[in-house]
ModelCIF file with pLDDT and N, C-alpha, C, O atoms, coordinates in Angstrom:
data_MODEL
#
_entry.id   MODEL 
#
_entity.id                         1 
_entity.type                       polymer 
_entity.pdbx_number_of_molecules   1 
#
_entity_poly.entity_id                      1 
_entity_poly.type                           'polypeptide(L)' 
_entity_poly.nstd_linkage                   no 
_entity_poly.nstd_monomer                   no 
_entity_poly.pdbx_seq_one_letter_code       ENGLEKLKKALESNPSLPEVADTVRLGSPVAR 
_entity_poly.pdbx_seq_one_letter_code_can   ENGLEKLKKALESNPSLPEVADTVRLGSPVAR 
_entity_poly.pdbx_strand_id                 A 
#
loop_
_entity_poly_seq.entity_id 
_entity_poly_seq.num 
_entity_poly_seq.mon_id 
_entity_poly_seq.hetero 
1 1  GLU n 
1 2  ASN n 
1 3  GLY n 
1 4  LEU n 
1 5  GLU n 
1 6  LYS n 
1 7  LEU n 
1 8  LYS n 
1 9  LYS n 
1 10 ALA n 
1 11 LEU n 
1 12 GLU n 
1 13 SER n 
1 14 ASN n 
1 15 PRO n 
1 16 SER n 
1 17 LEU n 
1 18 PRO n 
1 19 GLU n 
1 20 VAL n 
1 21 ALA n 
1 22 ASP n 
1 23 THR n 
1 24 VAL n 
1 25 ARG n 
1 26 LEU n 
1 27 GLY n 
1 28 SER n 
1 29 PRO n 
1 30 VAL n 
1 31 ALA n 
1 32 ARG n 
#
_struct_asym.id          A 
_struct_asym.entity_id   1 
#
loop_
_ma_qa_metric.id 
_ma_qa_metric.mode 
_ma_qa_metric.name 
_ma_qa_metric.software_group_id 
_ma_qa_metric.type 
1 global pLDDT . pLDDT 
2 local  pLDDT . pLDDT 
#
_ma_qa_metric_global.metric_id      1 
_ma_qa_metric_global.metric_value   94.16 
_ma_qa_metric_global.model_id       1 
_ma_qa_metric_global.ordinal_id     1 
#
loop_
_ma_qa_metric_local.label_asym_id 
_ma_qa_metric_local.label_comp_id 
_ma_qa_metric_local.label_seq_id 
_ma_qa_metric_local.metric_id 
_ma_qa_metric_local.metric_value 
_ma_qa_metric_local.model_id 
_ma_qa_metric_local.ordinal_id 
A GLU 1  2 96.00 1 1  
A ASN 2  2 95.00 1 2  
A GLY 3  2 97.00 1 3  
A LEU 4  2 97.00 1 4  
A GLU 5  2 96.00 1 5  
A LYS 6  2 95.00 1 6  
A LEU 7  2 96.00 1 7  
A LYS 8  2 95.00 1 8  
A LYS 9  2 94.00 1 9  
A ALA 10 2 93.00 1 10 
A LEU 11 2 92.00 1 11 
A GLU 12 2 90.00 1 12 
A SER 13 2 87.00 1 13 
A ASN 14 2 73.00 1 14 
A PRO 15 2 74.00 1 15 
A SER 16 2 86.00 1 16 
A LEU 17 2 94.00 1 17 
A PRO 18 2 96.00 1 18 
A GLU 19 2 97.00 1 19 
A VAL 20 2 98.00 1 20 
A ALA 21 2 98.00 1 21 
A ASP 22 2 96.00 1 22 
A THR 23 2 97.00 1 23 
A VAL 24 2 98.00 1 24 
A ARG 25 2 98.00 1 25 
A LEU 26 2 98.00 1 26 
A GLY 27 2 98.00 1 27 
A SER 28 2 98.00 1 28 
A PRO 29 2 98.00 1 29 
A VAL 30 2 98.00 1 30 
A ALA 31 2 98.00 1 31 
A ARG 32 2 97.00 1 32 
#
loop_
_atom_site.group_PDB 
_atom_site.id 
_atom_site.type_symbol 
_atom_site.label_atom_id 
_atom_site.label_alt_id 
_atom_site.label_comp_id 
_atom_site.label_asym_id 
_atom_site.label_entity_id 
_atom_site.label_seq_id 
_atom_site.pdbx_PDB_ins_code 
_atom_site.Cartn_x 
_atom_site.Cartn_y 
_atom_site.Cartn_z 
_atom_site.occupancy 
_atom_site.B_iso_or_equiv 
_atom_site.pdbx_formal_charge 
_atom_site.auth_seq_id 
_atom_site.auth_comp_id 
_atom_site.auth_asym_id 
_atom_site.auth_atom_id 
_atom_site.pdbx_PDB_model_num 
ATOM 1   N N  . GLU A 1 1  ? 0.810  -1.215  0.000  1.00 96.00 ? 1  GLU A N  1 
ATOM 2   C CA . GLU A 1 1  ? 0.000  0.000   0.000  1.00 96.00 ? 1  GLU A CA 1 
ATOM 3   C C  . GLU A 1 1  ? 0.849  1.272   0.000  1.00 96.00 ? 1  GLU A C  1 
ATOM 4   O O  . GLU A 1 1  ? 0.422  2.317   0.492  1.00 96.00 ? 1  GLU A O  1 
ATOM 5   N N  . ASN A 1 2  ? 2.059  1.165   -0.561 1.00 95.00 ? 2  ASN A N  1 
ATOM 6   C CA . ASN A 1 2  ? 2.955  2.313   -0.689 1.00 95.00 ? 2  ASN A CA 1 
ATOM 7   C C  . ASN A 1 2  ? 3.277  2.940   0.666  1.00 95.00 ? 2  ASN A C  1 
ATOM 8   O O  . ASN A 1 2  ? 3.345  4.160   0.815  1.00 95.00 ? 2  ASN A O  1 
ATOM 9   N N  . GLY A 1 3  ? 3.469  2.065   1.636  1.00 97.00 ? 3  GLY A N  1 
ATOM 10  C CA . GLY A 1 3  ? 3.698  2.523   2.996  1.00 97.00 ? 3  GLY A CA 1 
ATOM 11  C C  . GLY A 1 3  ? 4.947  3.357   3.184  1.00 97.00 ? 3  GLY A C  1 
ATOM 12  O O  . GLY A 1 3  ? 4.971  4.258   4.022  1.00 97.00 ? 3  GLY A O  1 
ATOM 13  N N  . LEU A 1 4  ? 5.990  3.070   2.412  1.00 97.00 ? 4  LEU A N  1 
ATOM 14  C CA . LEU A 1 4  ? 7.235  3.835   2.562  1.00 97.00 ? 4  LEU A CA 1 
ATOM 15  C C  . LEU A 1 4  ? 7.012  5.313   2.265  1.00 97.00 ? 4  LEU A C  1 
ATOM 16  O O  . LEU A 1 4  ? 7.481  6.175   3.008  1.00 97.00 ? 4  LEU A O  1 
ATOM 17  N N  . GLU A 1 5  ? 6.292  5.609   1.173  1.00 96.00 ? 5  GLU A N  1 
ATOM 18  C CA . GLU A 1 5  ? 6.031  7.001   0.828  1.00 96.00 ? 5  GLU A CA 1 
ATOM 19  C C  . GLU A 1 5  ? 5.117  7.669   1.847  1.00 96.00 ? 5  GLU A C  1 
ATOM 20  O O  . GLU A 1 5  ? 5.318  8.828   2.208  1.00 96.00 ? 5  GLU A O  1 
ATOM 21  N N  . LYS A 1 6  ? 4.125  6.939   2.302  1.00 95.00 ? 6  LYS A N  1 
ATOM 22  C CA . LYS A 1 6  ? 3.200  7.493   3.293  1.00 95.00 ? 6  LYS A CA 1 
ATOM 23  C C  . LYS A 1 6  ? 3.929  7.795   4.596  1.00 95.00 ? 6  LYS A C  1 
ATOM 24  O O  . LYS A 1 6  ? 3.693  8.825   5.227  1.00 95.00 ? 6  LYS A O  1 
ATOM 25  N N  . LEU A 1 7  ? 4.815  6.887   4.992  1.00 96.00 ? 7  LEU A N  1 
ATOM 26  C CA . LEU A 1 7  ? 5.573  7.104   6.224  1.00 96.00 ? 7  LEU A CA 1 
ATOM 27  C C  . LEU A 1 7  ? 6.512  8.290   6.072  1.00 96.00 ? 7  LEU A C  1 
ATOM 28  O O  . LEU A 1 7  ? 6.646  9.108   6.981  1.00 96.00 ? 7  LEU A O  1 
ATOM 29  N N  . LYS A 1 8  ? 7.155  8.376   4.929  1.00 95.00 ? 8  LYS A N  1 
ATOM 30  C CA . LYS A 1 8  ? 8.073  9.495   4.684  1.00 95.00 ? 8  LYS A CA 1 
ATOM 31  C C  . LYS A 1 8  ? 7.350  10.828  4.800  1.00 95.00 ? 8  LYS A C  1 
ATOM 32  O O  . LYS A 1 8  ? 7.858  11.760  5.425  1.00 95.00 ? 8  LYS A O  1 
ATOM 33  N N  . LYS A 1 9  ? 6.175  10.922  4.206  1.00 94.00 ? 9  LYS A N  1 
ATOM 34  C CA . LYS A 1 9  ? 5.398  12.167  4.264  1.00 94.00 ? 9  LYS A CA 1 
ATOM 35  C C  . LYS A 1 9  ? 4.965  12.474  5.685  1.00 94.00 ? 9  LYS A C  1 
ATOM 36  O O  . LYS A 1 9  ? 4.978  13.628  6.112  1.00 94.00 ? 9  LYS A O  1 
ATOM 37  N N  . ALA A 1 10 ? 4.580  11.432  6.419  1.00 93.00 ? 10 ALA A N  1 
ATOM 38  C CA . ALA A 1 10 ? 4.161  11.636  7.805  1.00 93.00 ? 10 ALA A CA 1 
ATOM 39  C C  . ALA A 1 10 ? 5.321  12.149  8.655  1.00 93.00 ? 10 ALA A C  1 
ATOM 40  O O  . ALA A 1 10 ? 5.133  13.011  9.514  1.00 93.00 ? 10 ALA A O  1 
ATOM 41  N N  . LEU A 1 11 ? 6.517  11.617  8.414  1.00 92.00 ? 11 LEU A N  1 
ATOM 42  C CA . LEU A 1 11 ? 7.685  12.054  9.176  1.00 92.00 ? 11 LEU A CA 1 
ATOM 43  C C  . LEU A 1 11 ? 8.071  13.482  8.834  1.00 92.00 ? 11 LEU A C  1 
ATOM 44  O O  . LEU A 1 11 ? 8.557  14.226  9.686  1.00 92.00 ? 11 LEU A O  1 
ATOM 45  N N  . GLU A 1 12 ? 7.850  13.862  7.573  1.00 90.00 ? 12 GLU A N  1 
ATOM 46  C CA . GLU A 1 12 ? 8.185  15.221  7.150  1.00 90.00 ? 12 GLU A CA 1 
ATOM 47  C C  . GLU A 1 12 ? 7.302  16.259  7.823  1.00 90.00 ? 12 GLU A C  1 
ATOM 48  O O  . GLU A 1 12 ? 7.686  17.423  7.937  1.00 90.00 ? 12 GLU A O  1 
ATOM 49  N N  . SER A 1 13 ? 6.119  15.844  8.270  1.00 87.00 ? 13 SER A N  1 
ATOM 50  C CA . SER A 1 13 ? 5.226  16.771  8.959  1.00 87.00 ? 13 SER A CA 1 
ATOM 51  C C  . SER A 1 13 ? 5.617  16.945  10.432 1.00 87.00 ? 13 SER A C  1 
ATOM 52  O O  . SER A 1 13 ? 4.968  17.675  11.182 1.00 87.00 ? 13 SER A O  1 
ATOM 53  N N  . ASN A 1 14 ? 6.699  16.253  10.825 1.00 73.00 ? 14 ASN A N  1 
ATOM 54  C CA . ASN A 1 14 ? 7.289  16.383  12.164 1.00 73.00 ? 14 ASN A CA 1 
ATOM 55  C C  . ASN A 1 14 ? 6.305  16.097  13.299 1.00 73.00 ? 14 ASN A C  1 
ATOM 56  O O  . ASN A 1 14 ? 6.109  16.933  14.181 1.00 73.00 ? 14 ASN A O  1 
ATOM 57  N N  . PRO A 1 15 ? 5.693  14.923  13.273 1.00 74.00 ? 15 PRO A N  1 
ATOM 58  C CA . PRO A 1 15 ? 4.826  14.585  14.413 1.00 74.00 ? 15 PRO A CA 1 
ATOM 59  C C  . PRO A 1 15 ? 5.670  14.361  15.660 1.00 74.00 ? 15 PRO A C  1 
ATOM 60  O O  . PRO A 1 15 ? 6.869  14.096  15.575 1.00 74.00 ? 15 PRO A O  1 
ATOM 61  N N  . SER A 1 16 ? 5.037  14.469  16.800 1.00 86.00 ? 16 SER A N  1 
ATOM 62  C CA . SER A 1 16 ? 5.731  14.189  18.045 1.00 86.00 ? 16 SER A CA 1 
ATOM 63  C C  . SER A 1 16 ? 5.777  12.681  18.239 1.00 86.00 ? 16 SER A C  1 
ATOM 64  O O  . SER A 1 16 ? 4.742  12.039  18.426 1.00 86.00 ? 16 SER A O  1 
ATOM 65  N N  . LEU A 1 17 ? 6.969  12.123  18.196 1.00 94.00 ? 17 LEU A N  1 
ATOM 66  C CA . LEU A 1 17 ? 7.128  10.677  18.270 1.00 94.00 ? 17 LEU A CA 1 
ATOM 67  C C  . LEU A 1 17 ? 7.877  10.283  19.542 1.00 94.00 ? 17 LEU A C  1 
ATOM 68  O O  . LEU A 1 17 ? 8.793  10.994  19.955 1.00 94.00 ? 17 LEU A O  1 
ATOM 69  N N  . PRO A 1 18 ? 7.507  9.168   20.169 1.00 96.00 ? 18 PRO A N  1 
ATOM 70  C CA . PRO A 1 18 ? 8.254  8.696   21.334 1.00 96.00 ? 18 PRO A CA 1 
ATOM 71  C C  . PRO A 1 18 ? 9.624  8.164   20.910 1.00 96.00 ? 18 PRO A C  1 
ATOM 72  O O  . PRO A 1 18 ? 9.755  7.498   19.884 1.00 96.00 ? 18 PRO A O  1 
ATOM 73  N N  . GLU A 1 19 ? 10.623 8.465   21.704 1.00 97.00 ? 19 GLU A N  1 
ATOM 74  C CA . GLU A 1 19 ? 11.954 7.918   21.462 1.00 97.00 ? 19 GLU A CA 1 
ATOM 75  C C  . GLU A 1 19 ? 12.047 6.524   22.067 1.00 97.00 ? 19 GLU A C  1 
ATOM 76  O O  . GLU A 1 19 ? 11.468 6.251   23.119 1.00 97.00 ? 19 GLU A O  1 
ATOM 77  N N  . VAL A 1 20 ? 12.779 5.649   21.393 1.00 98.00 ? 20 VAL A N  1 
ATOM 78  C CA . VAL A 1 20 ? 12.975 4.279   21.844 1.00 98.00 ? 20 VAL A CA 1 
ATOM 79  C C  . VAL A 1 20 ? 14.386 4.152   22.418 1.00 98.00 ? 20 VAL A C  1 
ATOM 80  O O  . VAL A 1 20 ? 15.361 4.500   21.752 1.00 98.00 ? 20 VAL A O  1 
ATOM 81  N N  . ALA A 1 21 ? 14.494 3.669   23.619 1.00 98.00 ? 21 ALA A N  1 
ATOM 82  C CA . ALA A 1 21 ? 15.803 3.567   24.271 1.00 98.00 ? 21 ALA A CA 1 
ATOM 83  C C  . ALA A 1 21 ? 16.707 2.574   23.554 1.00 98.00 ? 21 ALA A C  1 
ATOM 84  O O  . ALA A 1 21 ? 16.244 1.590   22.978 1.00 98.00 ? 21 ALA A O  1 
ATOM 85  N N  . ASP A 1 22 ? 18.002 2.854   23.603 1.00 96.00 ? 22 ASP A N  1 
ATOM 86  C CA . ASP A 1 22 ? 18.990 1.969   22.969 1.00 96.00 ? 22 ASP A CA 1 
ATOM 87  C C  . ASP A 1 22 ? 18.998 0.582   23.592 1.00 96.00 ? 22 ASP A C  1 
ATOM 88  O O  . ASP A 1 22 ? 19.472 -0.369  22.970 1.00 96.00 ? 22 ASP A O  1 
ATOM 89  N N  . THR A 1 23 ? 18.490 0.453   24.790 1.00 97.00 ? 23 THR A N  1 
ATOM 90  C CA . THR A 1 23 ? 18.503 -0.830  25.498 1.00 97.00 ? 23 THR A CA 1 
ATOM 91  C C  . THR A 1 23 ? 17.366 -1.762  25.065 1.00 97.00 ? 23 THR A C  1 
ATOM 92  O O  . THR A 1 23 ? 17.360 -2.941  25.421 1.00 97.00 ? 23 THR A O  1 
ATOM 93  N N  . VAL A 1 24 ? 16.412 -1.238  24.303 1.00 98.00 ? 24 VAL A N  1 
ATOM 94  C CA . VAL A 1 24 ? 15.270 -2.047  23.874 1.00 98.00 ? 24 VAL A CA 1 
ATOM 95  C C  . VAL A 1 24 ? 15.698 -2.979  22.737 1.00 98.00 ? 24 VAL A C  1 
ATOM 96  O O  . VAL A 1 24 ? 16.384 -2.564  21.803 1.00 98.00 ? 24 VAL A O  1 
ATOM 97  N N  . ARG A 1 25 ? 15.286 -4.231  22.834 1.00 98.00 ? 25 ARG A N  1 
ATOM 98  C CA . ARG A 1 25 ? 15.621 -5.236  21.824 1.00 98.00 ? 25 ARG A CA 1 
ATOM 99  C C  . ARG A 1 25 ? 15.143 -4.820  20.430 1.00 98.00 ? 25 ARG A C  1 
ATOM 100 O O  . ARG A 1 25 ? 14.063 -4.249  20.275 1.00 98.00 ? 25 ARG A O  1 
ATOM 101 N N  . LEU A 1 26 ? 15.963 -5.116  19.424 1.00 98.00 ? 26 LEU A N  1 
ATOM 102 C CA . LEU A 1 26 ? 15.560 -4.971  18.033 1.00 98.00 ? 26 LEU A CA 1 
ATOM 103 C C  . LEU A 1 26 ? 15.118 -6.326  17.490 1.00 98.00 ? 26 LEU A C  1 
ATOM 104 O O  . LEU A 1 26 ? 15.782 -7.338  17.715 1.00 98.00 ? 26 LEU A O  1 
ATOM 105 N N  . GLY A 1 27 ? 14.006 -6.341  16.783 1.00 98.00 ? 27 GLY A N  1 
ATOM 106 C CA . GLY A 1 27 ? 13.585 -7.534  16.066 1.00 98.00 ? 27 GLY A CA 1 
ATOM 107 C C  . GLY A 1 27 ? 14.004 -7.451  14.617 1.00 98.00 ? 27 GLY A C  1 
ATOM 108 O O  . GLY A 1 27 ? 14.713 -6.524  14.224 1.00 98.00 ? 27 GLY A O  1 
ATOM 109 N N  . SER A 1 28 ? 13.574 -8.407  13.824 1.00 98.00 ? 28 SER A N  1 
ATOM 110 C CA . SER A 1 28 ? 13.765 -8.308  12.383 1.00 98.00 ? 28 SER A CA 1 
ATOM 111 C C  . SER A 1 28 ? 13.133 -7.008  11.903 1.00 98.00 ? 28 SER A C  1 
ATOM 112 O O  . SER A 1 28 ? 12.046 -6.661  12.365 1.00 98.00 ? 28 SER A O  1 
ATOM 113 N N  . PRO A 1 29 ? 13.779 -6.267  10.983 1.00 98.00 ? 29 PRO A N  1 
ATOM 114 C CA . PRO A 1 29 ? 13.206 -4.998  10.533 1.00 98.00 ? 29 PRO A CA 1 
ATOM 115 C C  . PRO A 1 29 ? 11.963 -5.143  9.662  1.00 98.00 ? 29 PRO A C  1 
ATOM 116 O O  . PRO A 1 29 ? 11.268 -4.158  9.415  1.00 98.00 ? 29 PRO A O  1 
ATOM 117 N N  . VAL A 1 30 ? 11.675 -6.349  9.197  1.00 98.00 ? 30 VAL A N  1 
ATOM 118 C CA . VAL A 1 30 ? 10.416 -6.595  8.501  1.00 98.00 ? 30 VAL A CA 1 
ATOM 119 C C  . VAL A 1 30 ? 9.691  -7.721  9.235  1.00 98.00 ? 30 VAL A C  1 
ATOM 120 O O  . VAL A 1 30 ? 10.312 -8.632  9.784  1.00 98.00 ? 30 VAL A O  1 
ATOM 121 N N  . ALA A 1 31 ? 8.357  -7.632  9.230  1.00 98.00 ? 31 ALA A N  1 
ATOM 122 C CA . ALA A 1 31 ? 7.554  -8.677  9.854  1.00 98.00 ? 31 ALA A CA 1 
ATOM 123 C C  . ALA A 1 31 ? 7.690  -9.964  9.052  1.00 98.00 ? 31 ALA A C  1 
ATOM 124 O O  . ALA A 1 31 ? 8.181  -9.950  7.923  1.00 98.00 ? 31 ALA A O  1 
ATOM 125 N N  . ARG A 1 32 ? 7.260  -11.063 9.632  1.00 97.00 ? 32 ARG A N  1 
ATOM 126 C CA . ARG A 1 32 ? 7.436  -12.357 8.978  1.00 97.00 ? 32 ARG A CA 1 
ATOM 127 C C  . ARG A 1 32 ? 6.906  -12.312 7.541  1.00 97.00 ? 32 ARG A C  1 
ATOM 128 O O  . ARG A 1 32 ? 6.969  -13.314 6.828  1.00 97.00 ? 32 ARG A O  1 
#
């Protein structure tokens, strides 16, 4: 659904986003 472009546009509007601590586990960057 063209999520990359939609996400890029949303980020450009500078929403207030929660920061994720460096200590939090990373999973696979894509879902199964």
